[in-house]
Amino acid sequence: MFALFQINYHNQYYSAFGDNTKSENLAKNLWLNKLKQFSAETICGAAEKIIAENDYLPTLHKMLTACRQVGMPKGLPSPRSAYNEACNKPSPKAAQHWSHAAVYLAARDCGWHMLGNEIERKALPLFEEIYLQYCERVLSGETFTIERPKELSEDAAKLASKSHNRSQLKKLQQLMD
């Protein structure tokens, strides 16, 4: 990866690291530590993506973002697509078909009310942060499922009797005293 950057961003690379092997080695150690969760193929693919799309030597943050994009498992949508999916699914949410469980879980953790009522400028960054955490867990091999809501029993549809309601009200009054 550093060799690719050195060849493609020659002047910028030497401006950043100079001929100082110590600073280059420190950078390599930092990047290795932060990128160790990704395979070598993902890292090389991300480096090639950055070289094809950017005129400037990338930061570690840009490299991490590119690795997440390149290494994203099949079925996991981009953060923007996941956000749109989460905002547009009808209720009951858990009963819907989701492109990936991580989308549902990120939306749930973000808050259905916020996703439905806040402006995108505020909701999208929060959703994206939570969603990317789930994506990293998926990349590390964790699997997720959506717990379907339990069906209500037939008794749930029955109205409570007046005597039952009165006894419940008395219990509440005793708690308040």
N, C-alpha and C. Protein backbone atom coordinates (compact mmCIF):
# COMPACT_ATOMS: atom_id res chain seq x y z
N MET A 1 0.82 -1.18 0.00
CA MET A 1 0.00 0.00 0.00
C MET A 1 0.88 1.25 0.00
N PHE A 2 1.86 1.30 0.89
CA PHE A 2 2.74 2.47 0.93
C PHE A 2 3.56 2.58 -0.35
N ALA A 3 3.92 1.45 -0.93
CA ALA A 3 4.66 1.49 -2.20
C ALA A 3 3.77 2.07 -3.30
N LEU A 4 2.49 1.68 -3.32
CA LEU A 4 1.56 2.25 -4.30
C LEU A 4 1.42 3.75 -4.11
N PHE A 5 1.30 4.18 -2.87
CA PHE A 5 1.18 5.60 -2.60
C PHE A 5 2.46 6.35 -2.98
N GLN A 6 3.59 5.73 -2.71
CA GLN A 6 4.88 6.37 -3.03
C GLN A 6 5.00 6.58 -4.54
N ILE A 7 4.58 5.59 -5.32
CA ILE A 7 4.68 5.70 -6.78
C ILE A 7 3.67 6.71 -7.33
N ASN A 8 2.44 6.67 -6.83
CA ASN A 8 1.38 7.51 -7.37
C ASN A 8 1.38 8.94 -6.83
N TYR A 9 1.81 9.12 -5.63
CA TYR A 9 1.81 10.44 -5.01
C TYR A 9 3.24 10.84 -4.65
N HIS A 10 4.14 10.66 -5.56
CA HIS A 10 5.58 10.80 -5.34
C HIS A 10 5.93 12.06 -4.53
N ASN A 11 5.62 13.23 -5.05
CA ASN A 11 6.01 14.48 -4.37
C ASN A 11 5.33 14.63 -3.02
N GLN A 12 4.05 14.31 -2.97
CA GLN A 12 3.32 14.42 -1.70
C GLN A 12 3.86 13.42 -0.67
N TYR A 13 4.19 12.24 -1.14
CA TYR A 13 4.71 11.20 -0.26
C TYR A 13 6.01 11.66 0.39
N TYR A 14 6.92 12.17 -0.44
CA TYR A 14 8.21 12.61 0.11
C TYR A 14 8.08 13.89 0.91
N SER A 15 7.07 14.67 0.62
CA SER A 15 6.81 15.85 1.43
C SER A 15 6.31 15.43 2.82
N ALA A 16 5.51 14.39 2.86
CA ALA A 16 4.97 13.91 4.14
C ALA A 16 6.02 13.17 4.96
N PHE A 17 6.82 12.34 4.29
CA PHE A 17 7.75 11.49 5.02
C PHE A 17 9.21 11.84 4.80
N GLY A 18 9.50 12.58 3.74
CA GLY A 18 10.88 12.92 3.44
C GLY A 18 11.71 11.67 3.24
N ASP A 19 12.95 11.76 3.52
CA ASP A 19 13.83 10.60 3.47
C ASP A 19 13.99 10.00 4.86
N ASN A 20 13.13 10.42 5.76
CA ASN A 20 13.20 10.00 7.16
C ASN A 20 12.48 8.64 7.32
N THR A 21 13.26 7.60 7.42
CA THR A 21 12.71 6.26 7.56
C THR A 21 11.95 6.11 8.88
N LYS A 22 12.37 6.85 9.90
CA LYS A 22 11.73 6.74 11.20
C LYS A 22 10.27 7.21 11.14
N SER A 23 10.00 8.37 10.54
CA SER A 23 8.63 8.86 10.46
C SER A 23 7.78 7.96 9.55
N GLU A 24 8.38 7.44 8.50
CA GLU A 24 7.65 6.52 7.62
C GLU A 24 7.30 5.24 8.37
N ASN A 25 8.23 4.71 9.14
CA ASN A 25 7.96 3.50 9.92
C ASN A 25 6.90 3.73 11.00
N LEU A 26 6.92 4.91 11.62
CA LEU A 26 5.89 5.23 12.60
C LEU A 26 4.51 5.26 11.94
N ALA A 27 4.43 5.88 10.77
CA ALA A 27 3.17 5.92 10.03
C ALA A 27 2.73 4.51 9.64
N LYS A 28 3.65 3.70 9.16
CA LYS A 28 3.31 2.33 8.78
C LYS A 28 2.78 1.54 9.97
N ASN A 29 3.40 1.70 11.13
CA ASN A 29 2.94 1.00 12.33
C ASN A 29 1.55 1.46 12.75
N LEU A 30 1.30 2.77 12.69
CA LEU A 30 -0.02 3.29 13.03
C LEU A 30 -1.07 2.75 12.06
N TRP A 31 -0.80 2.81 10.77
CA TRP A 31 -1.75 2.35 9.77
C TRP A 31 -1.97 0.85 9.91
N LEU A 32 -0.92 0.09 10.14
CA LEU A 32 -1.05 -1.36 10.32
C LEU A 32 -1.95 -1.67 11.50
N ASN A 33 -1.77 -0.95 12.58
CA ASN A 33 -2.57 -1.16 13.78
C ASN A 33 -4.05 -0.87 13.51
N LYS A 34 -4.33 0.17 12.76
CA LYS A 34 -5.72 0.57 12.49
C LYS A 34 -6.37 -0.26 11.38
N LEU A 35 -5.57 -0.81 10.47
CA LEU A 35 -6.11 -1.55 9.33
C LEU A 35 -6.04 -3.06 9.49
N LYS A 36 -5.59 -3.53 10.65
CA LYS A 36 -5.35 -4.97 10.82
C LYS A 36 -6.61 -5.83 10.70
N GLN A 37 -7.79 -5.25 10.87
CA GLN A 37 -9.03 -6.04 10.76
C GLN A 37 -9.38 -6.37 9.31
N PHE A 38 -8.72 -5.70 8.34
CA PHE A 38 -9.02 -5.92 6.93
C PHE A 38 -8.00 -6.86 6.30
N SER A 39 -8.46 -7.62 5.30
CA SER A 39 -7.56 -8.52 4.59
C SER A 39 -6.62 -7.71 3.70
N ALA A 40 -5.53 -8.36 3.27
CA ALA A 40 -4.58 -7.70 2.38
C ALA A 40 -5.24 -7.31 1.06
N GLU A 41 -6.15 -8.16 0.57
CA GLU A 41 -6.86 -7.86 -0.68
C GLU A 41 -7.73 -6.62 -0.54
N THR A 42 -8.38 -6.50 0.60
CA THR A 42 -9.23 -5.33 0.84
C THR A 42 -8.39 -4.07 0.91
N ILE A 43 -7.26 -4.13 1.60
CA ILE A 43 -6.39 -2.96 1.73
C ILE A 43 -5.85 -2.54 0.37
N CYS A 44 -5.39 -3.49 -0.41
CA CYS A 44 -4.87 -3.17 -1.75
C CYS A 44 -5.98 -2.62 -2.64
N GLY A 45 -7.15 -3.22 -2.56
CA GLY A 45 -8.29 -2.73 -3.34
C GLY A 45 -8.68 -1.32 -2.95
N ALA A 46 -8.65 -1.04 -1.66
CA ALA A 46 -8.97 0.31 -1.18
C ALA A 46 -7.91 1.31 -1.63
N ALA A 47 -6.65 0.91 -1.59
CA ALA A 47 -5.57 1.79 -2.05
C ALA A 47 -5.73 2.10 -3.54
N GLU A 48 -6.06 1.10 -4.33
CA GLU A 48 -6.27 1.31 -5.76
C GLU A 48 -7.49 2.19 -6.02
N LYS A 49 -8.53 2.03 -5.22
CA LYS A 49 -9.73 2.87 -5.34
C LYS A 49 -9.37 4.32 -5.04
N ILE A 50 -8.62 4.55 -3.99
CA ILE A 50 -8.22 5.90 -3.62
C ILE A 50 -7.36 6.53 -4.72
N ILE A 51 -6.41 5.77 -5.24
CA ILE A 51 -5.54 6.28 -6.31
C ILE A 51 -6.36 6.65 -7.53
N ALA A 52 -7.37 5.85 -7.86
CA ALA A 52 -8.20 6.11 -9.05
C ALA A 52 -9.11 7.33 -8.86
N GLU A 53 -9.48 7.63 -7.62
CA GLU A 53 -10.47 8.67 -7.39
C GLU A 53 -9.94 9.96 -6.78
N ASN A 54 -8.71 9.97 -6.28
CA ASN A 54 -8.20 11.14 -5.57
C ASN A 54 -6.85 11.61 -6.09
N ASP A 55 -6.68 12.91 -6.06
CA ASP A 55 -5.42 13.51 -6.51
C ASP A 55 -4.40 13.65 -5.38
N TYR A 56 -4.86 13.42 -4.14
CA TYR A 56 -3.99 13.68 -3.00
C TYR A 56 -3.74 12.43 -2.18
N LEU A 57 -2.61 12.39 -1.54
CA LEU A 57 -2.24 11.31 -0.63
C LEU A 57 -3.32 11.20 0.44
N PRO A 58 -3.87 10.02 0.68
CA PRO A 58 -4.99 9.90 1.63
C PRO A 58 -4.55 9.97 3.08
N THR A 59 -5.51 10.35 3.90
CA THR A 59 -5.32 10.28 5.35
C THR A 59 -5.70 8.87 5.80
N LEU A 60 -5.38 8.54 7.01
CA LEU A 60 -5.77 7.25 7.56
C LEU A 60 -7.30 7.12 7.58
N HIS A 61 -7.97 8.19 7.90
CA HIS A 61 -9.44 8.17 7.92
C HIS A 61 -10.00 7.81 6.53
N LYS A 62 -9.46 8.41 5.48
CA LYS A 62 -9.93 8.09 4.12
C LYS A 62 -9.62 6.64 3.77
N MET A 63 -8.50 6.15 4.23
CA MET A 63 -8.13 4.76 3.95
C MET A 63 -9.09 3.80 4.66
N LEU A 64 -9.43 4.10 5.91
CA LEU A 64 -10.38 3.26 6.65
C LEU A 64 -11.74 3.25 5.95
N THR A 65 -12.18 4.41 5.50
CA THR A 65 -13.46 4.50 4.80
C THR A 65 -13.43 3.69 3.52
N ALA A 66 -12.35 3.80 2.77
CA ALA A 66 -12.22 3.04 1.52
C ALA A 66 -12.19 1.54 1.78
N CYS A 67 -11.51 1.12 2.84
CA CYS A 67 -11.46 -0.31 3.19
C CYS A 67 -12.84 -0.83 3.54
N ARG A 68 -13.62 -0.02 4.27
CA ARG A 68 -14.99 -0.44 4.61
C ARG A 68 -15.84 -0.58 3.35
N GLN A 69 -15.65 0.34 2.40
CA GLN A 69 -16.43 0.27 1.17
C GLN A 69 -16.04 -0.94 0.33
N VAL A 70 -14.74 -1.15 0.17
CA VAL A 70 -14.24 -2.25 -0.66
C VAL A 70 -14.52 -3.60 0.00
N GLY A 71 -14.36 -3.67 1.31
CA GLY A 71 -14.51 -4.93 2.03
C GLY A 71 -15.91 -5.23 2.50
N MET A 72 -16.87 -4.40 2.12
CA MET A 72 -18.25 -4.59 2.56
C MET A 72 -18.79 -5.92 2.04
N PRO A 73 -19.25 -6.78 2.94
CA PRO A 73 -19.81 -8.06 2.49
C PRO A 73 -21.03 -7.85 1.60
N LYS A 74 -21.30 -8.82 0.76
CA LYS A 74 -22.47 -8.76 -0.13
C LYS A 74 -23.73 -8.67 0.72
N GLY A 75 -24.66 -7.88 0.27
CA GLY A 75 -25.92 -7.74 0.98
C GLY A 75 -25.96 -6.55 1.92
N LEU A 76 -24.79 -6.02 2.29
CA LEU A 76 -24.78 -4.85 3.15
C LEU A 76 -24.82 -3.60 2.26
N PRO A 77 -25.87 -2.81 2.37
CA PRO A 77 -25.94 -1.61 1.54
C PRO A 77 -25.00 -0.52 2.04
N SER A 78 -24.78 0.48 1.21
CA SER A 78 -23.99 1.64 1.62
C SER A 78 -24.73 2.34 2.76
N PRO A 79 -24.02 3.14 3.56
CA PRO A 79 -24.71 3.84 4.65
C PRO A 79 -25.89 4.68 4.17
N ARG A 80 -25.74 5.34 3.04
CA ARG A 80 -26.82 6.18 2.51
C ARG A 80 -28.03 5.33 2.12
N SER A 81 -27.81 4.20 1.43
CA SER A 81 -28.91 3.32 1.05
C SER A 81 -29.57 2.71 2.29
N ALA A 82 -28.75 2.36 3.28
CA ALA A 82 -29.29 1.79 4.52
C ALA A 82 -30.16 2.82 5.24
N TYR A 83 -29.71 4.06 5.26
CA TYR A 83 -30.49 5.14 5.89
C TYR A 83 -31.83 5.31 5.18
N ASN A 84 -31.82 5.34 3.85
CA ASN A 84 -33.06 5.48 3.10
C ASN A 84 -34.01 4.32 3.37
N GLU A 85 -33.45 3.12 3.42
CA GLU A 85 -34.27 1.94 3.72
C GLU A 85 -34.89 2.05 5.10
N ALA A 86 -34.09 2.45 6.08
CA ALA A 86 -34.58 2.55 7.46
C ALA A 86 -35.68 3.60 7.58
N CYS A 87 -35.54 4.69 6.87
CA CYS A 87 -36.54 5.76 6.96
C CYS A 87 -37.85 5.40 6.25
N ASN A 88 -37.78 4.55 5.26
CA ASN A 88 -38.95 4.29 4.42
C ASN A 88 -39.72 3.02 4.75
N LYS A 89 -39.22 2.20 5.66
CA LYS A 89 -39.94 0.97 6.01
C LYS A 89 -41.16 1.31 6.86
N PRO A 90 -42.29 0.67 6.55
CA PRO A 90 -43.49 0.91 7.37
C PRO A 90 -43.43 0.12 8.68
N SER A 91 -44.33 0.44 9.57
CA SER A 91 -44.43 -0.30 10.83
C SER A 91 -45.38 -1.47 10.63
N PRO A 92 -45.24 -2.52 11.36
CA PRO A 92 -44.23 -2.81 12.37
C PRO A 92 -42.88 -3.11 11.71
N LYS A 93 -41.86 -2.46 12.19
CA LYS A 93 -40.53 -2.52 11.57
C LYS A 93 -39.94 -3.92 11.58
N ALA A 94 -40.05 -4.62 12.69
CA ALA A 94 -39.43 -5.94 12.80
C ALA A 94 -40.07 -6.97 11.89
N ALA A 95 -41.29 -6.71 11.44
CA ALA A 95 -41.98 -7.66 10.58
C ALA A 95 -41.66 -7.45 9.09
N GLN A 96 -40.92 -6.39 8.77
CA GLN A 96 -40.60 -6.07 7.37
C GLN A 96 -39.42 -6.90 6.88
N HIS A 97 -39.27 -6.97 5.57
CA HIS A 97 -38.09 -7.63 4.96
C HIS A 97 -37.00 -6.57 4.83
N TRP A 98 -35.82 -6.84 5.43
CA TRP A 98 -34.70 -5.90 5.42
C TRP A 98 -33.58 -6.45 4.55
N SER A 99 -32.85 -5.58 3.90
CA SER A 99 -31.73 -6.02 3.06
C SER A 99 -30.67 -6.72 3.90
N HIS A 100 -30.51 -6.29 5.14
CA HIS A 100 -29.58 -6.92 6.08
C HIS A 100 -30.02 -6.57 7.49
N ALA A 101 -29.83 -7.49 8.41
CA ALA A 101 -30.24 -7.25 9.80
C ALA A 101 -29.52 -6.05 10.40
N ALA A 102 -28.30 -5.76 9.94
CA ALA A 102 -27.55 -4.62 10.46
C ALA A 102 -28.27 -3.30 10.20
N VAL A 103 -29.00 -3.22 9.10
CA VAL A 103 -29.75 -1.99 8.79
C VAL A 103 -30.85 -1.80 9.82
N TYR A 104 -31.61 -2.86 10.08
CA TYR A 104 -32.69 -2.79 11.07
C TYR A 104 -32.13 -2.45 12.45
N LEU A 105 -31.06 -3.14 12.86
CA LEU A 105 -30.52 -2.93 14.20
C LEU A 105 -29.96 -1.52 14.37
N ALA A 106 -29.29 -1.01 13.34
CA ALA A 106 -28.76 0.36 13.41
C ALA A 106 -29.90 1.36 13.52
N ALA A 107 -30.97 1.14 12.75
CA ALA A 107 -32.12 2.04 12.80
C ALA A 107 -32.80 1.97 14.16
N ARG A 108 -32.94 0.77 14.68
CA ARG A 108 -33.54 0.59 16.02
C ARG A 108 -32.73 1.33 17.07
N ASP A 109 -31.40 1.16 17.02
CA ASP A 109 -30.53 1.80 18.01
C ASP A 109 -30.52 3.32 17.85
N CYS A 110 -30.65 3.76 16.62
CA CYS A 110 -30.69 5.20 16.34
C CYS A 110 -31.99 5.80 16.87
N GLY A 111 -33.06 5.05 16.71
CA GLY A 111 -34.37 5.49 17.18
C GLY A 111 -35.32 5.73 16.03
N TRP A 112 -36.42 4.98 16.02
CA TRP A 112 -37.39 5.11 14.93
C TRP A 112 -37.98 6.51 14.89
N HIS A 113 -38.25 7.07 16.06
CA HIS A 113 -38.85 8.40 16.11
C HIS A 113 -37.91 9.44 15.50
N MET A 114 -36.64 9.35 15.84
CA MET A 114 -35.70 10.33 15.29
C MET A 114 -35.58 10.18 13.78
N LEU A 115 -35.50 8.95 13.30
CA LEU A 115 -35.39 8.74 11.86
C LEU A 115 -36.62 9.26 11.11
N GLY A 116 -37.76 9.16 11.73
CA GLY A 116 -38.99 9.59 11.09
C GLY A 116 -39.29 11.07 11.22
N ASN A 117 -38.63 11.74 12.18
CA ASN A 117 -39.01 13.12 12.47
C ASN A 117 -37.90 14.16 12.35
N GLU A 118 -36.65 13.72 12.41
CA GLU A 118 -35.55 14.68 12.32
C GLU A 118 -35.15 14.92 10.88
N ILE A 119 -34.56 16.07 10.64
CA ILE A 119 -34.06 16.36 9.30
C ILE A 119 -32.86 15.47 9.00
N GLU A 120 -32.66 15.19 7.74
CA GLU A 120 -31.60 14.27 7.32
C GLU A 120 -30.22 14.74 7.78
N ARG A 121 -29.99 16.02 7.74
CA ARG A 121 -28.69 16.57 8.13
C ARG A 121 -28.31 16.18 9.56
N LYS A 122 -29.32 16.00 10.40
CA LYS A 122 -29.07 15.63 11.79
C LYS A 122 -29.12 14.11 11.98
N ALA A 123 -30.08 13.45 11.32
CA ALA A 123 -30.29 12.02 11.55
C ALA A 123 -29.27 11.14 10.83
N LEU A 124 -28.91 11.49 9.61
CA LEU A 124 -28.02 10.64 8.82
C LEU A 124 -26.66 10.43 9.48
N PRO A 125 -25.98 11.46 9.98
CA PRO A 125 -24.67 11.20 10.61
C PRO A 125 -24.75 10.26 11.82
N LEU A 126 -25.80 10.40 12.62
CA LEU A 126 -25.95 9.51 13.77
C LEU A 126 -26.22 8.08 13.32
N PHE A 127 -27.14 7.94 12.36
CA PHE A 127 -27.43 6.62 11.83
C PHE A 127 -26.17 6.00 11.23
N GLU A 128 -25.45 6.77 10.44
CA GLU A 128 -24.26 6.25 9.75
C GLU A 128 -23.21 5.77 10.75
N GLU A 129 -23.02 6.51 11.82
CA GLU A 129 -22.05 6.10 12.85
C GLU A 129 -22.43 4.75 13.46
N ILE A 130 -23.70 4.59 13.80
CA ILE A 130 -24.17 3.34 14.39
C ILE A 130 -24.10 2.21 13.38
N TYR A 131 -24.52 2.50 12.15
CA TYR A 131 -24.53 1.49 11.09
C TYR A 131 -23.12 1.00 10.79
N LEU A 132 -22.16 1.89 10.74
CA LEU A 132 -20.78 1.48 10.44
C LEU A 132 -20.20 0.61 11.56
N GLN A 133 -20.65 0.84 12.78
CA GLN A 133 -20.22 -0.04 13.88
C GLN A 133 -20.76 -1.45 13.67
N TYR A 134 -22.01 -1.55 13.23
CA TYR A 134 -22.56 -2.87 12.91
C TYR A 134 -21.83 -3.49 11.73
N CYS A 135 -21.50 -2.68 10.72
CA CYS A 135 -20.77 -3.18 9.55
C CYS A 135 -19.41 -3.75 9.96
N GLU A 136 -18.72 -3.07 10.86
CA GLU A 136 -17.43 -3.58 11.33
C GLU A 136 -17.59 -4.90 12.05
N ARG A 137 -18.67 -5.04 12.80
CA ARG A 137 -18.93 -6.30 13.49
C ARG A 137 -19.24 -7.41 12.49
N VAL A 138 -19.95 -7.07 11.41
CA VAL A 138 -20.22 -8.05 10.34
C VAL A 138 -18.92 -8.44 9.68
N LEU A 139 -18.05 -7.47 9.42
CA LEU A 139 -16.75 -7.75 8.80
C LEU A 139 -15.89 -8.66 9.67
N SER A 140 -16.06 -8.56 10.98
CA SER A 140 -15.28 -9.41 11.87
C SER A 140 -15.91 -10.79 12.06
N GLY A 141 -17.03 -11.05 11.37
CA GLY A 141 -17.62 -12.39 11.39
C GLY A 141 -18.87 -12.55 12.21
N GLU A 142 -19.32 -11.51 12.87
CA GLU A 142 -20.52 -11.61 13.69
C GLU A 142 -21.76 -11.65 12.79
N THR A 143 -22.75 -12.42 13.18
CA THR A 143 -24.00 -12.48 12.42
C THR A 143 -25.12 -11.93 13.29
N PHE A 144 -26.09 -11.34 12.65
CA PHE A 144 -27.20 -10.73 13.36
C PHE A 144 -28.52 -11.27 12.82
N THR A 145 -29.51 -11.29 13.68
CA THR A 145 -30.85 -11.66 13.27
C THR A 145 -31.82 -10.64 13.85
N ILE A 146 -32.97 -10.56 13.22
CA ILE A 146 -34.02 -9.67 13.70
C ILE A 146 -35.03 -10.52 14.44
N GLU A 147 -35.26 -10.18 15.69
CA GLU A 147 -36.26 -10.93 16.46
C GLU A 147 -37.63 -10.46 16.03
N ARG A 148 -38.40 -11.38 15.52
CA ARG A 148 -39.76 -11.07 15.07
C ARG A 148 -40.64 -10.85 16.30
N PRO A 149 -41.57 -9.92 16.20
CA PRO A 149 -42.45 -9.68 17.36
C PRO A 149 -43.31 -10.91 17.65
N LYS A 150 -43.52 -11.17 18.91
CA LYS A 150 -44.36 -12.28 19.31
C LYS A 150 -45.82 -11.91 19.03
N GLU A 151 -46.55 -12.90 18.56
CA GLU A 151 -47.96 -12.65 18.30
C GLU A 151 -48.71 -12.59 19.63
N LEU A 152 -49.66 -11.70 19.67
CA LEU A 152 -50.47 -11.56 20.88
C LEU A 152 -51.43 -12.74 21.00
N SER A 153 -51.66 -13.14 22.24
CA SER A 153 -52.61 -14.23 22.47
C SER A 153 -54.03 -13.72 22.24
N GLU A 154 -54.95 -14.63 22.16
CA GLU A 154 -56.34 -14.24 21.95
C GLU A 154 -56.87 -13.46 23.15
N ASP A 155 -56.32 -13.71 24.34
CA ASP A 155 -56.75 -13.00 25.54
C ASP A 155 -56.38 -11.53 25.49
N ALA A 156 -55.37 -11.18 24.71
CA ALA A 156 -54.92 -9.80 24.66
C ALA A 156 -55.96 -8.87 24.06
N ALA A 157 -56.83 -9.39 23.23
CA ALA A 157 -57.85 -8.57 22.58
C ALA A 157 -59.07 -8.34 23.49
N LYS A 158 -59.17 -9.09 24.58
CA LYS A 158 -60.32 -8.96 25.47
C LYS A 158 -60.14 -7.72 26.36
N LEU A 159 -61.23 -7.02 26.58
CA LEU A 159 -61.20 -5.86 27.46
C LEU A 159 -61.23 -6.33 28.92
N ALA A 160 -60.57 -5.59 29.76
CA ALA A 160 -60.57 -5.92 31.18
C ALA A 160 -61.92 -5.57 31.78
N SER A 161 -62.30 -6.33 32.80
CA SER A 161 -63.59 -6.07 33.46
C SER A 161 -63.47 -4.84 34.34
N LYS A 162 -64.62 -4.28 34.71
CA LYS A 162 -64.62 -3.11 35.59
C LYS A 162 -64.00 -3.43 36.95
N SER A 163 -64.28 -4.61 37.45
CA SER A 163 -63.73 -4.99 38.76
C SER A 163 -62.20 -5.11 38.69
N HIS A 164 -61.71 -5.66 37.59
CA HIS A 164 -60.25 -5.76 37.42
C HIS A 164 -59.63 -4.36 37.34
N ASN A 165 -60.26 -3.47 36.58
CA ASN A 165 -59.75 -2.10 36.45
C ASN A 165 -59.75 -1.38 37.80
N ARG A 166 -60.80 -1.59 38.60
CA ARG A 166 -60.87 -0.96 39.93
C ARG A 166 -59.76 -1.47 40.84
N SER A 167 -59.52 -2.78 40.78
CA SER A 167 -58.46 -3.33 41.64
C SER A 167 -57.09 -2.80 41.23
N GLN A 168 -56.88 -2.66 39.94
CA GLN A 168 -55.61 -2.10 39.45
C GLN A 168 -55.47 -0.64 39.87
N LEU A 169 -56.57 0.11 39.82
CA LEU A 169 -56.56 1.51 40.23
C LEU A 169 -56.25 1.63 41.71
N LYS A 170 -56.82 0.74 42.54
CA LYS A 170 -56.53 0.76 43.98
C LYS A 170 -55.07 0.48 44.26
N LYS A 171 -54.49 -0.45 43.50
CA LYS A 171 -53.07 -0.76 43.67
C LYS A 171 -52.22 0.46 43.35
N LEU A 172 -52.57 1.17 42.29
CA LEU A 172 -51.84 2.38 41.92
C LEU A 172 -51.97 3.47 42.99
N GLN A 173 -53.18 3.63 43.55
CA GLN A 173 -53.40 4.62 44.60
C GLN A 173 -52.57 4.27 45.84
N GLN A 174 -52.46 3.00 46.16
CA GLN A 174 -51.66 2.58 47.32
C GLN A 174 -50.19 2.88 47.08
N LEU A 175 -49.74 2.70 45.85
CA LEU A 175 -48.35 3.02 45.53
C LEU A 175 -48.06 4.51 45.66
N MET A 176 -49.05 5.32 45.33
CA MET A 176 -48.87 6.77 45.37
C MET A 176 -48.91 7.31 46.79
N ASP A 177 -49.55 6.61 47.70
CA ASP A 177 -49.66 7.08 49.10
C ASP A 177 -48.41 6.88 49.85
